Amino acid sequence: MKGVETKLFQTEKRKPNRLKSLHEASKLQK
C-alpha cells in the first residue's frame, strides 16, 4: 500500500484535489 500512498501523494501535489486524494488514501489504508 505504500506505493499507492506515494502515487496519491504525488498526484495530490499536481492536482487541486488535495482533499479527495487524502480521502482516497484513508480509504485504501482501512
Protein backbone atom coordinates (compact mmCIF):
# COMPACT_ATOMS: atom_id res chain seq x y z
CA MET A 1 0.00 0.00 0.00
CA LYS A 2 3.00 2.27 0.45
CA GLY A 3 3.44 2.58 -3.30
CA VAL A 4 -0.20 3.56 -3.73
CA GLU A 5 0.11 6.18 -1.00
CA THR A 6 3.17 7.67 -2.67
CA LYS A 7 1.39 7.76 -6.01
CA LEU A 8 -1.61 9.53 -4.48
CA PHE A 9 0.68 11.98 -2.70
CA GLN A 10 2.41 12.89 -5.96
CA THR A 11 -0.94 13.26 -7.70
CA GLU A 12 -2.36 15.50 -4.98
CA LYS A 13 0.66 17.78 -5.32
CA ARG A 14 -0.06 18.22 -9.02
CA LYS A 15 -3.84 18.44 -8.83
CA PRO A 16 -6.05 20.74 -6.72
CA ASN A 17 -8.00 17.73 -5.48
CA ARG A 18 -5.93 17.51 -2.31
CA LEU A 19 -8.79 16.55 -0.02
CA LYS A 20 -10.06 13.95 -2.46
CA SER A 21 -6.63 12.32 -2.71
CA LEU A 22 -6.30 12.26 1.06
CA HIS A 23 -9.74 10.70 1.34
CA GLU A 24 -8.79 8.01 -1.17
CA ALA A 25 -5.60 7.29 0.78
CA SER A 26 -7.58 6.91 4.00
CA LYS A 27 -9.99 4.57 2.26
CA LEU A 28 -7.13 2.39 0.99
CA GLN A 29 -5.46 2.28 4.40
CA LYS A 30 -8.53 0.80 6.09
